[in-house]
C-alpha atoms as a PDB file:
ATOM      1  CA  MET A   1     -12.178   0.784  22.351  1.00  0.00           C
ATOM      2  CA  GLY A   2      -8.565  -0.435  22.572  1.00  0.00           C
ATOM      3  CA  ARG A   3      -6.532  -0.776  25.710  1.00  0.00           C
ATOM      4  CA  PRO A   4      -4.901   2.486  26.934  1.00  0.00           C
ATOM      5  CA  ARG A   5      -1.282   2.709  25.895  1.00  0.00           C
ATOM      6  CA  ASN A   6       1.626   3.009  28.314  1.00  0.00           C
ATOM      7  CA  ASP A   7       3.273   6.349  27.609  1.00  0.00           C
ATOM      8  CA  PHE A   8       6.591   5.279  29.127  1.00  0.00           C
ATOM      9  CA  VAL A   9       6.724   2.172  26.935  1.00  0.00           C
ATOM     10  CA  ASP A  10       5.812   4.246  23.865  1.00  0.00           C
ATOM     11  CA  ARG A  11       8.629   6.696  24.602  1.00  0.00           C
ATOM     12  CA  LEU A  12      11.040   3.820  25.174  1.00  0.00           C
ATOM     13  CA  GLN A  13      10.076   2.254  21.862  1.00  0.00           C
ATOM     14  CA  TYR A  14      10.570   5.587  20.138  1.00  0.00           C
ATOM     15  CA  VAL A  15      14.041   6.116  21.605  1.00  0.00           C
ATOM     16  CA  GLY A  16      15.008   2.540  20.762  1.00  0.00           C
ATOM     17  CA  LEU A  17      13.865   2.993  17.177  1.00  0.00           C
ATOM     18  CA  ARG A  18      15.831   6.217  16.799  1.00  0.00           C
ATOM     19  CA  ILE A  19      18.970   4.459  18.065  1.00  0.00           C
ATOM     20  CA  VAL A  20      18.414   1.620  15.604  1.00  0.00           C
ATOM     21  CA  HIS A  21      17.855   4.182  12.855  1.00  0.00           C
ATOM     22  CA  MET A  22      21.138   5.902  13.682  1.00  0.00           C
ATOM     23  CA  MET A  23      23.034   2.610  13.668  1.00  0.00           C
ATOM     24  CA  MET A  24      21.488   1.533  10.380  1.00  0.00           C
ATOM     25  CA  HIS A  25      22.977   4.522   8.611  1.00  0.00           C
ATOM     26  CA  CYS A  26      26.469   3.325   9.512  1.00  0.00           C
ATOM     27  CA  TRP A  27      26.078   0.682   6.793  1.00  0.00           C
ATOM     28  CA  PRO A  28      24.959   0.884   3.162  1.00  0.00           C
ATOM     29  CA  ILE A  29      21.338   0.261   2.253  1.00  0.00           C
ATOM     30  CA  GLU A  30      22.159  -3.120   0.672  1.00  0.00           C
ATOM     31  CA  ALA A  31      23.568  -4.467   3.949  1.00  0.00           C
ATOM     32  CA  ASN A  32      20.488  -3.293   5.821  1.00  0.00           C
ATOM     33  CA  LEU A  33      18.179  -4.940   3.300  1.00  0.00           C
ATOM     34  CA  ARG A  34      20.032  -8.260   3.644  1.00  0.00           C
ATOM     35  CA  LEU A  35      19.663  -8.004   7.417  1.00  0.00           C
ATOM     36  CA  ALA A  36      15.949  -7.252   6.959  1.00  0.00           C
ATOM     37  CA  GLU A  37      15.596 -10.405   4.866  1.00  0.00           C
ATOM     38  CA  PHE A  38      17.340 -12.431   7.572  1.00  0.00           C
ATOM     39  CA  ILE A  39      15.022 -11.022  10.257  1.00  0.00           C
ATOM     40  CA  GLY A  40      12.043 -11.725   8.028  1.00  0.00           C
ATOM     41  CA  ASP A  41      13.104 -15.359   7.643  1.00  0.00           C
ATOM     42  CA  PHE A  42      13.507 -15.683  11.405  1.00  0.00           C
ATOM     43  CA  VAL A  43      10.091 -14.164  12.120  1.00  0.00           C
ATOM     44  CA  TYR A  44       8.536 -16.422   9.494  1.00  0.00           C
ATOM     45  CA  LEU A  45       9.862 -19.457  11.345  1.00  0.00           C
ATOM     46  CA  ILE A  46       8.710 -18.439  14.830  1.00  0.00           C
ATOM     47  CA  ASP A  47       5.441 -16.609  14.045  1.00  0.00           C
ATOM     48  CA  ARG A  48       3.163 -19.527  13.328  1.00  0.00           C
ATOM     49  CA  ARG A  49      -0.064 -17.496  13.207  1.00  0.00           C
ATOM     50  CA  HIS A  50       1.037 -15.113  10.472  1.00  0.00           C
ATOM     51  CA  ARG A  51       2.910 -17.853   8.600  1.00  0.00           C
ATOM     52  CA  LEU A  52      -0.234 -19.972   8.354  1.00  0.00           C
ATOM     53  CA  ARG A  53      -2.348 -16.958   7.404  1.00  0.00           C
ATOM     54  CA  ALA A  54      -0.021 -16.005   4.569  1.00  0.00           C
ATOM     55  CA  GLN A  55       0.133 -19.594   3.328  1.00  0.00           C
ATOM     56  CA  GLN A  56      -3.640 -19.922   3.420  1.00  0.00           C
ATOM     57  CA  ASN A  57      -4.232 -16.694   1.497  1.00  0.00           C
ATOM     58  CA  ILE A  58      -1.699 -17.683  -1.168  1.00  0.00           C
ATOM     59  CA  ARG A  59      -3.014 -21.239  -1.427  1.00  0.00           C
ATOM     60  CA  LEU A  60      -6.601 -20.049  -1.936  1.00  0.00           C
ATOM     61  CA  SER A  61      -5.533 -17.349  -4.406  1.00  0.00           C
ATOM     62  CA  PHE A  62      -3.296 -19.674  -6.420  1.00  0.00           C
ATOM     63  CA  PRO A  63      -4.796 -23.155  -5.987  1.00  0.00           C
ATOM     64  CA  HIS A  64      -2.518 -24.581  -8.700  1.00  0.00           C
ATOM     65  CA  PHE A  65       0.693 -23.633  -6.824  1.00  0.00           C
ATOM     66  CA  SER A  66       2.656 -26.408  -5.156  1.00  0.00           C
ATOM     67  CA  ALA A  67       3.104 -26.470  -1.373  1.00  0.00           C
ATOM     68  CA  GLU A  68       6.789 -25.606  -1.851  1.00  0.00           C
ATOM     69  CA  ARG A  69       5.943 -22.538  -3.945  1.00  0.00           C
ATOM     70  CA  VAL A  70       3.304 -21.400  -1.470  1.00  0.00           C
ATOM     71  CA  ASP A  71       5.839 -21.627   1.355  1.00  0.00           C
ATOM     72  CA  ARG A  72       8.462 -19.745  -0.654  1.00  0.00           C
ATOM     73  CA  LEU A  73       6.083 -16.914  -1.536  1.00  0.00           C
ATOM     74  CA  ALA A  74       4.785 -16.649   2.039  1.00  0.00           C
ATOM     75  CA  ARG A  75       8.358 -16.386   3.319  1.00  0.00           C
ATOM     76  CA  GLU A  76       9.173 -13.754   0.716  1.00  0.00           C
ATOM     77  CA  SER A  77       6.054 -11.791   1.688  1.00  0.00           C
ATOM     78  CA  VAL A  78       7.118 -11.634   5.340  1.00  0.00           C
ATOM     79  CA  ARG A  79      10.579 -10.455   4.274  1.00  0.00           C
ATOM     80  CA  GLN A  80       8.965  -7.567   2.402  1.00  0.00           C
ATOM     81  CA  MET A  81       7.573  -6.043   5.609  1.00  0.00           C
ATOM     82  CA  PHE A  82      11.015  -5.662   7.153  1.00  0.00           C
ATOM     83  CA  MET A  83      12.532  -4.480   3.900  1.00  0.00           C
ATOM     84  CA  LEU A  84       9.829  -1.818   3.674  1.00  0.00           C
ATOM     85  CA  PHE A  85      10.775  -0.533   7.133  1.00  0.00           C
ATOM     86  CA  VAL A  86      14.416  -0.161   6.061  1.00  0.00           C
ATOM     87  CA  GLU A  87      13.466   1.503   2.785  1.00  0.00           C
ATOM     88  CA  VAL A  88      11.237   4.096   4.461  1.00  0.00           C
ATOM     89  CA  LEU A  89      14.121   5.147   6.721  1.00  0.00           C
ATOM     90  CA  PHE A  90      16.559   5.462   3.803  1.00  0.00           C
ATOM     91  CA  THR A  91      14.239   7.045   1.232  1.00  0.00           C
ATOM     92  CA  VAL A  92      14.730  10.666   2.317  1.00  0.00           C
ATOM     93  CA  ARG A  93      18.491  10.241   2.365  1.00  0.00           C
ATOM     94  CA  LEU A  94      18.772   8.582  -1.034  1.00  0.00           C
ATOM     95  CA  VAL A  95      15.908   9.763  -3.245  1.00  0.00           C
ATOM     96  CA  HIS A  96      16.102  13.365  -4.489  1.00  0.00           C
ATOM     97  CA  ILE A  97      15.173  15.113  -7.697  1.00  0.00           C
ATOM     98  CA  ASN A  98      18.699  14.608  -9.048  1.00  0.00           C
ATOM     99  CA  THR A  99      19.081  10.988  -7.864  1.00  0.00           C
ATOM    100  CA  PHE A 100      15.664   9.368  -8.217  1.00  0.00           C
ATOM    101  CA  THR A 101      16.480   7.914 -11.667  1.00  0.00           C
ATOM    102  CA  LYS A 102      19.188   5.831  -9.982  1.00  0.00           C
ATOM    103  CA  TYR A 103      16.599   4.078  -7.830  1.00  0.00           C
ATOM    104  CA  VAL A 104      13.308   4.425  -9.698  1.00  0.00           C
ATOM    105  CA  ARG A 105      12.373   3.290 -13.177  1.00  0.00           C
ATOM    106  CA  LEU A 106       9.139   4.595 -14.638  1.00  0.00           C
ATOM    107  CA  GLY A 107       7.195   1.862 -16.391  1.00  0.00           C
ATOM    108  CA  ASP A 108       3.818   2.407 -18.034  1.00  0.00           C
ATOM    109  CA  PHE A 109       3.279   5.739 -16.299  1.00  0.00           C
ATOM    110  CA  LYS A 110       3.181   8.302 -19.114  1.00  0.00           C
ATOM    111  CA  LYS A 111      -0.605   8.762 -19.139  1.00  0.00           C
ATOM    112  CA  SER A 112      -0.652   9.020 -15.343  1.00  0.00           C
ATOM    113  CA  LEU A 113       1.939  11.795 -15.424  1.00  0.00           C
ATOM    114  CA  GLU A 114      -0.090  13.635 -18.051  1.00  0.00           C
ATOM    115  CA  LEU A 115      -3.135  13.484 -15.776  1.00  0.00           C
ATOM    116  CA  LEU A 116      -1.082  14.807 -12.869  1.00  0.00           C
ATOM    117  CA  MET A 117       0.158  17.707 -14.990  1.00  0.00           C
ATOM    118  CA  ASN A 118      -3.391  18.606 -16.027  1.00  0.00           C
ATOM    119  CA  HIS A 119      -4.285  19.566 -12.429  1.00  0.00           C
ATOM    120  CA  ARG A 120      -7.944  18.687 -12.926  1.00  0.00           C
ATOM    121  CA  GLY A 121      -8.319  16.412  -9.944  1.00  0.00           C
ATOM    122  CA  LEU A 122      -7.201  12.822  -9.634  1.00  0.00           C
ATOM    123  CA  ILE A 123      -7.540   9.778  -7.398  1.00  0.00           C
ATOM    124  CA  MET A 124      -4.488   7.533  -7.151  1.00  0.00           C
ATOM    125  CA  ILE A 125      -4.730   4.159  -5.482  1.00  0.00           C
ATOM    126  CA  THR A 126      -2.437   1.229  -4.804  1.00  0.00           C
ATOM    127  CA  GLY A 127      -2.299  -1.898  -2.671  1.00  0.00           C
ATOM    128  CA  HIS A 128      -0.058  -3.447  -0.023  1.00  0.00           C
ATOM    129  CA  HIS A 129       2.435  -4.542  -2.623  1.00  0.00           C
ATOM    130  CA  GLY A 130       6.133  -3.846  -3.084  1.00  0.00           C
ATOM    131  CA  ASN A 131       7.022  -0.482  -1.546  1.00  0.00           C
ATOM    132  CA  TRP A 132       3.683   1.311  -1.540  1.00  0.00           C
ATOM    133  CA  GLU A 133       5.176   4.138   0.545  1.00  0.00           C
ATOM    134  CA  ILE A 134       7.641   5.270  -2.105  1.00  0.00           C
ATOM    135  CA  LEU A 135       4.918   5.789  -4.692  1.00  0.00           C
ATOM    136  CA  GLY A 136       3.550   8.994  -3.142  1.00  0.00           C
ATOM    137  CA  TYR A 137       7.029  10.117  -2.101  1.00  0.00           C
ATOM    138  CA  VAL A 138       8.389   9.959  -5.653  1.00  0.00           C
ATOM    139  CA  MET A 139       5.359  11.832  -6.949  1.00  0.00           C
ATOM    140  CA  ALA A 140       6.122  14.613  -4.463  1.00  0.00           C
ATOM    141  CA  VAL A 141       9.803  14.626  -5.477  1.00  0.00           C
ATOM    142  CA  LEU A 142       8.716  15.103  -9.085  1.00  0.00           C
ATOM    143  CA  GLY A 143       6.591  18.088  -8.056  1.00  0.00           C
ATOM    144  CA  PHE A 144       3.201  16.371  -7.762  1.00  0.00           C
ATOM    145  CA  PRO A 145       2.233  16.517  -4.074  1.00  0.00           C
ATOM    146  CA  THR A 146      -0.600  14.264  -2.980  1.00  0.00           C
ATOM    147  CA  VAL A 147      -2.870  13.968   0.026  1.00  0.00           C
ATOM    148  CA  SER A 148      -2.694  10.343   1.123  1.00  0.00           C
ATOM    149  CA  VAL A 149      -5.119   8.708   3.525  1.00  0.00           C
ATOM    150  CA  ALA A 150      -3.582   6.216   5.955  1.00  0.00           C
ATOM    151  CA  ARG A 151      -4.119   4.658   9.360  1.00  0.00           C
ATOM    152  CA  PRO A 152      -1.755   6.176  11.966  1.00  0.00           C
ATOM    153  CA  LEU A 153       0.570   3.991  14.024  1.00  0.00           C
ATOM    154  CA  ASP A 154      -0.528   3.205  17.571  1.00  0.00           C
ATOM    155  CA  ASN A 155       2.641   4.732  19.057  1.00  0.00           C
ATOM    156  CA  LYS A 156       2.100   8.475  18.635  1.00  0.00           C
ATOM    157  CA  TYR A 157       5.800   9.340  18.991  1.00  0.00           C
ATOM    158  CA  VAL A 158       6.875   6.876  16.306  1.00  0.00           C
ATOM    159  CA  ASN A 159       3.959   7.966  14.145  1.00  0.00           C
ATOM    160  CA  GLU A 160       4.875  11.664  14.306  1.00  0.00           C
ATOM    161  CA  TRP A 161       8.515  10.900  13.516  1.00  0.00           C
ATOM    162  CA  LEU A 162       7.753   8.642  10.549  1.00  0.00           C
ATOM    163  CA  LEU A 163       5.192  11.134   9.253  1.00  0.00           C
ATOM    164  CA  GLY A 164       7.961  13.710   9.194  1.00  0.00           C
ATOM    165  CA  VAL A 165      10.105  11.330   7.173  1.00  0.00           C
ATOM    166  CA  ARG A 166       7.321  10.445   4.740  1.00  0.00           C
ATOM    167  CA  GLU A 167       6.120  14.043   4.301  1.00  0.00           C
ATOM    168  CA  ARG A 168       9.572  15.576   3.794  1.00  0.00           C
ATOM    169  CA  LYS A 169       9.071  16.325   0.086  1.00  0.00           C
ATOM    170  CA  GLY A 170       5.514  17.611   0.192  1.00  0.00           C
ATOM    171  CA  GLN A 171       3.334  14.550   0.430  1.00  0.00           C
ATOM    172  CA  ARG A 172       0.629  15.072   3.053  1.00  0.00           C
ATOM    173  CA  ILE A 173      -0.552  12.034   5.005  1.00  0.00           C
ATOM    174  CA  ILE A 174      -3.798  12.251   6.940  1.00  0.00           C
ATOM    175  CA  ASP A 175      -5.628   9.941   9.322  1.00  0.00           C
ATOM    176  CA  LYS A 176      -8.440   8.105   7.562  1.00  0.00           C
ATOM    177  CA  LYS A 177     -10.682   8.944  10.523  1.00  0.00           C
ATOM    178  CA  GLY A 178     -12.101  12.350   9.773  1.00  0.00           C
ATOM    179  CA  ALA A 179     -10.331  12.579   6.412  1.00  0.00           C
ATOM    180  CA  THR A 180     -13.481  13.427   4.467  1.00  0.00           C
ATOM    181  CA  THR A 181     -13.143  17.198   4.783  1.00  0.00           C
ATOM    182  CA  ILE A 182      -9.516  17.346   3.653  1.00  0.00           C
ATOM    183  CA  VAL A 183     -10.096  14.889   0.806  1.00  0.00           C
ATOM    184  CA  THR A 184     -13.073  16.826  -0.547  1.00  0.00           C
ATOM    185  CA  GLU A 185     -11.219  20.138  -0.195  1.00  0.00           C
ATOM    186  CA  THR A 186      -8.310  18.669  -2.171  1.00  0.00           C
ATOM    187  CA  LEU A 187     -10.549  17.444  -4.980  1.00  0.00           C
ATOM    188  CA  ASP A 188     -12.437  20.751  -4.981  1.00  0.00           C
ATOM    189  CA  ALA A 189      -9.056  22.400  -5.570  1.00  0.00           C
ATOM    190  CA  LYS A 190      -8.317  19.959  -8.445  1.00  0.00           C
ATOM    191  CA  GLY A 191      -5.643  18.208  -6.413  1.00  0.00           C
ATOM    192  CA  THR A 192      -4.627  14.571  -6.092  1.00  0.00           C
ATOM    193  CA  VAL A 193      -5.647  12.205  -3.314  1.00  0.00           C
ATOM    194  CA  GLY A 194      -4.197   8.765  -2.671  1.00  0.00           C
ATOM    195  CA  PHE A 195      -5.575   5.633  -1.034  1.00  0.00           C
ATOM    196  CA  ILE A 196      -4.410   2.121  -0.246  1.00  0.00           C
ATOM    197  CA  ALA A 197      -7.429   0.323  -1.611  1.00  0.00           C
ATOM    198  CA  ASP A 198      -7.067  -3.335  -0.663  1.00  0.00           C
ATOM    199  CA  GLN A 199      -8.166  -3.336   2.977  1.00  0.00           C
ATOM    200  CA  ASP A 200     -11.137  -5.252   4.382  1.00  0.00           C
ATOM    201  CA  ALA A 201     -14.063  -2.812   4.622  1.00  0.00           C
ATOM    202  CA  GLY A 202     -16.194  -4.793   7.061  1.00  0.00           C
ATOM    203  CA  LYS A 203     -19.897  -5.516   6.812  1.00  0.00           C
ATOM    204  CA  LYS A 204     -20.711  -2.153   5.203  1.00  0.00           C
ATOM    205  CA  GLY A 205     -18.282  -2.669   2.342  1.00  0.00           C
ATOM    206  CA  LEU A 206     -19.043  -3.532  -1.254  1.00  0.00           C
ATOM    207  CA  PHE A 207     -18.213  -7.119  -2.192  1.00  0.00           C
ATOM    208  CA  VAL A 208     -16.185  -7.575  -5.370  1.00  0.00           C
ATOM    209  CA  ASP A 209     -14.042 -10.391  -6.755  1.00  0.00           C
ATOM    210  CA  PHE A 210     -10.401 -10.506  -5.699  1.00  0.00           C
ATOM    211  CA  PHE A 211      -8.456 -13.615  -6.678  1.00  0.00           C
ATOM    212  CA  GLY A 212     -11.689 -15.516  -7.239  1.00  0.00           C
ATOM    213  CA  ARG A 213     -13.191 -14.750  -3.833  1.00  0.00           C
ATOM    214  CA  LYS A 214     -15.532 -12.031  -2.637  1.00  0.00           C
ATOM    215  CA  ALA A 215     -13.698  -9.293  -0.743  1.00  0.00           C
ATOM    216  CA  SER A 216     -15.355  -6.460   1.194  1.00  0.00           C
ATOM    217  CA  THR A 217     -14.103  -3.201  -0.319  1.00  0.00           C
ATOM    218  CA  TYR A 218     -14.591   0.449   0.648  1.00  0.00           C
ATOM    219  CA  LYS A 219     -17.186   2.374  -1.349  1.00  0.00           C
ATOM    220  CA  SER A 220     -15.630   5.795  -0.758  1.00  0.00           C
ATOM    221  CA  ILE A 221     -13.190   5.727  -3.675  1.00  0.00           C
ATOM    222  CA  GLY A 222     -15.862   4.993  -6.256  1.00  0.00           C
ATOM    223  CA  LEU A 223     -18.265   7.490  -4.716  1.00  0.00           C
ATOM    224  CA  LEU A 224     -15.614  10.255  -4.794  1.00  0.00           C
ATOM    225  CA  ALA A 225     -14.732   9.460  -8.405  1.00  0.00           C
ATOM    226  CA  MET A 226     -18.399   9.661  -9.383  1.00  0.00           C
ATOM    227  CA  GLU A 227     -19.076  12.860  -7.442  1.00  0.00           C
ATOM    228  CA  TYR A 228     -16.047  14.761  -8.762  1.00  0.00           C
ATOM    229  CA  GLN A 229     -15.879  13.058 -12.174  1.00  0.00           C
ATOM    230  CA  VAL A 230     -12.152  12.433 -11.890  1.00  0.00           C
ATOM    231  CA  PRO A 231     -10.024   9.559 -13.224  1.00  0.00           C
ATOM    232  CA  VAL A 232      -8.794   6.790 -10.948  1.00  0.00           C
ATOM    233  CA  VAL A 233      -5.174   5.704 -11.471  1.00  0.00           C
ATOM    234  CA  ILE A 234      -4.166   2.312 -10.088  1.00  0.00           C
ATOM    235  CA  GLY A 235      -0.426   2.442  -9.488  1.00  0.00           C
ATOM    236  CA  TYR A 236       2.276   0.236  -8.046  1.00  0.00           C
ATOM    237  CA  ALA A 237       5.919   0.362  -6.944  1.00  0.00           C
ATOM    238  CA  GLU A 238       7.535  -3.032  -7.438  1.00  0.00           C
ATOM    239  CA  ARG A 239      10.964  -3.963  -6.074  1.00  0.00           C
ATOM    240  CA  VAL A 240      13.583  -4.946  -8.644  1.00  0.00           C
ATOM    241  CA  ASN A 241      15.988  -7.740  -7.685  1.00  0.00           C
ATOM    242  CA  ALA A 242      15.302  -7.282  -3.947  1.00  0.00           C
ATOM    243  CA  LYS A 243      17.370  -4.086  -3.997  1.00  0.00           C
ATOM    244  CA  PHE A 244      16.599  -0.439  -3.266  1.00  0.00           C
ATOM    245  CA  THR A 245      15.418  -0.150  -6.848  1.00  0.00           C
ATOM    246  CA  PHE A 246      11.824   0.119  -7.946  1.00  0.00           C
ATOM    247  CA  LYS A 247       9.676  -0.005 -11.020  1.00  0.00           C
ATOM    248  CA  ILE A 248       6.757   2.420 -10.806  1.00  0.00           C
ATOM    249  CA  GLY A 249       3.832   2.113 -13.138  1.00  0.00           C
ATOM    250  CA  SER A 250       0.058   1.943 -13.454  1.00  0.00           C
ATOM    251  CA  SER A 251      -1.922  -1.186 -14.242  1.00  0.00           C
ATOM    252  CA  ASP A 252      -5.097   0.672 -15.223  1.00  0.00           C
ATOM    253  CA  ILE A 253      -6.719   4.103 -15.443  1.00  0.00           C
ATOM    254  CA  ILE A 254     -10.481   4.393 -15.023  1.00  0.00           C
ATOM    255  CA  TYR A 255     -11.946   7.481 -16.720  1.00  0.00           C
ATOM    256  CA  PRO A 256     -15.388   9.012 -16.031  1.00  0.00           C
ATOM    257  CA  GLU A 257     -16.577   8.053 -19.507  1.00  0.00           C
ATOM    258  CA  ASP A 258     -15.824   4.403 -18.685  1.00  0.00           C
ATOM    259  CA  TRP A 259     -18.572   4.213 -16.070  1.00  0.00           C
ATOM    260  CA  LYS A 260     -20.899   6.786 -17.617  1.00  0.00           C
ATOM    261  CA  ASN A 261     -23.265   4.231 -19.169  1.00  0.00           C
ATOM    262  CA  GLU A 262     -22.892   1.491 -16.568  1.00  0.00           C
ATOM    263  CA  GLU A 263     -26.062   0.415 -14.726  1.00  0.00           C
ATOM    264  CA  GLN A 264     -24.083   0.063 -11.484  1.00  0.00           C
ATOM    265  CA  PRO A 265     -21.199   2.538 -11.795  1.00  0.00           C
ATOM    266  CA  LEU A 266     -20.047   2.139  -8.180  1.00  0.00           C
ATOM    267  CA  GLN A 267     -19.822  -1.638  -8.558  1.00  0.00           C
ATOM    268  CA  TYR A 268     -18.033  -1.190 -11.888  1.00  0.00           C
ATOM    269  CA  ILE A 269     -15.385   1.201 -10.548  1.00  0.00           C
ATOM    270  CA  THR A 270     -14.739  -0.840  -7.402  1.00  0.00           C
ATOM    271  CA  GLN A 271     -14.477  -4.134  -9.264  1.00  0.00           C
ATOM    272  CA  ARG A 272     -12.248  -2.692 -11.965  1.00  0.00           C
ATOM    273  CA  TYR A 273      -9.687  -1.118  -9.652  1.00  0.00           C
ATOM    274  CA  THR A 274      -9.663  -4.256  -7.505  1.00  0.00           C
ATOM    275  CA  LYS A 275      -8.944  -6.290 -10.627  1.00  0.00           C
ATOM    276  CA  ALA A 276      -6.130  -3.873 -11.505  1.00  0.00           C
ATOM    277  CA  ILE A 277      -4.560  -4.447  -8.078  1.00  0.00           C
ATOM    278  CA  GLU A 278      -4.847  -8.189  -8.620  1.00  0.00           C
ATOM    279  CA  THR A 279      -3.057  -7.772 -11.957  1.00  0.00           C
ATOM    280  CA  PHE A 280       0.136  -6.308 -10.515  1.00  0.00           C
ATOM    281  CA  VAL A 281       0.052  -8.687  -7.536  1.00  0.00           C
ATOM    282  CA  ARG A 282       0.005 -11.623  -9.958  1.00  0.00           C
ATOM    283  CA  ASP A 283       3.106 -10.225 -11.656  1.00  0.00           C
ATOM    284  CA  ALA A 284       5.094 -10.429  -8.386  1.00  0.00           C
ATOM    285  CA  PRO A 285       3.037 -12.377  -5.812  1.00  0.00           C
ATOM    286  CA  GLY A 286       5.887 -12.603  -3.318  1.00  0.00           C
ATOM    287  CA  GLN A 287       5.787  -8.829  -2.861  1.00  0.00           C
ATOM    288  CA  TYR A 288       2.193  -8.750  -1.623  1.00  0.00           C
ATOM    289  CA  LEU A 289       1.276  -8.468   2.070  1.00  0.00           C
ATOM    290  CA  TRP A 290      -0.453 -11.840   2.335  1.00  0.00           C
ATOM    291  CA  VAL A 291      -0.511 -11.732   6.144  1.00  0.00           C
ATOM    292  CA  HIS A 292      -3.274  -9.128   6.234  1.00  0.00           C
ATOM    293  CA  ARG A 293      -6.855 -10.349   6.494  1.00  0.00           C
ATOM    294  CA  ARG A 294      -8.147  -9.155   3.145  1.00  0.00           C
ATOM    295  CA  TRP A 295     -10.993 -11.706   3.049  1.00  0.00           C
ATOM    296  CA  LYS A 296     -11.947 -11.491   6.725  1.00  0.00           C
ATOM    297  CA  THR A 297     -15.522 -10.251   6.144  1.00  0.00           C
ATOM    298  CA  ARG A 298     -17.749 -12.623   4.204  1.00  0.00           C
ATOM    299  CA  PRO A 299     -21.058 -12.023   2.388  1.00  0.00           C
ATOM    300  CA  LYS A 300     -24.250 -13.031   4.171  1.00  0.00           C
ATOM    301  CA  GLY A 301     -24.751 -16.762   4.168  1.00  0.00           C
ATOM    302  CA  GLU A 302     -21.117 -17.539   3.483  1.00  0.00           C
ATOM    303  CA  THR A 303     -19.041 -19.247   6.153  1.00  0.00           C
ATOM    304  CA  ALA A 304     -16.297 -17.068   7.565  1.00  0.00           C
ATOM    305  CA  GLU A 305     -12.774 -18.094   6.657  1.00  0.00           C
ATOM    306  CA  LYS A 306     -10.778 -19.315   9.607  1.00  0.00           C
ATOM    307  CA  TYR A 307      -7.606 -17.383  10.372  1.00  0.00           C
ATOM    308  CA  ASP A 308      -5.301 -19.097  12.804  1.00  0.00           C
END
């Protein structure tokens, strides 16, 4: 159980964030993104723990990269976190049904849209790459609301405010704790549910290959796909030229017939969607959240990786 939070400090943080939000809108989005990059560079220099973690994850995932390239990608990855914060606050203001084509380019997404229009139930997943938040938001703007499972922020006031921002167009975001009922009700109703599928699942997870190393991965996505016999779309939203412009696409679609004759269908589904996430991360490795501890849990008998 975590330490009890200080309500006064939480309220103060909330008020401070709202003031910052108000000030940010005095300048165009491009100026805010450049400031976010500057802050990201500063944090990268002073936050030794996360800098080393990002460098280690990149170095082990791309052993052929030079030290200079590893450092550059780690720095870029830290920048992405602050850029994401800015983008979330500007998304509602800028992205509408009549403006989204100015900011969003649809890549290989035709088959995914056809599945959404069929209304036969669908699981959409992505990873901590690019702007993963805008993916569900754009789907809602286009008239395809989703139920997305996410971990709430620790500050309840900030969490409620940002949920309001993220859910403005119809996307519903639910706490992953106790989400089972809502997720199953949505799939029963032939709706769409979304997950971020590249988080460490702990000792009870299923180990699959991710960048050449075993990574503990949640079983729930594969189990839901098997139970409801619905396709799994692996999507991404990649930044274009470090601007408020994104390319949205899907790197793979897993259909029920694909795992029908597999001896271990759960292993097959989990490994395949993990590989699909790896595919779009390889296309733009600097946009991945390398600071998170994706390989924290190790299989039995394997020495735990040290995170500084």
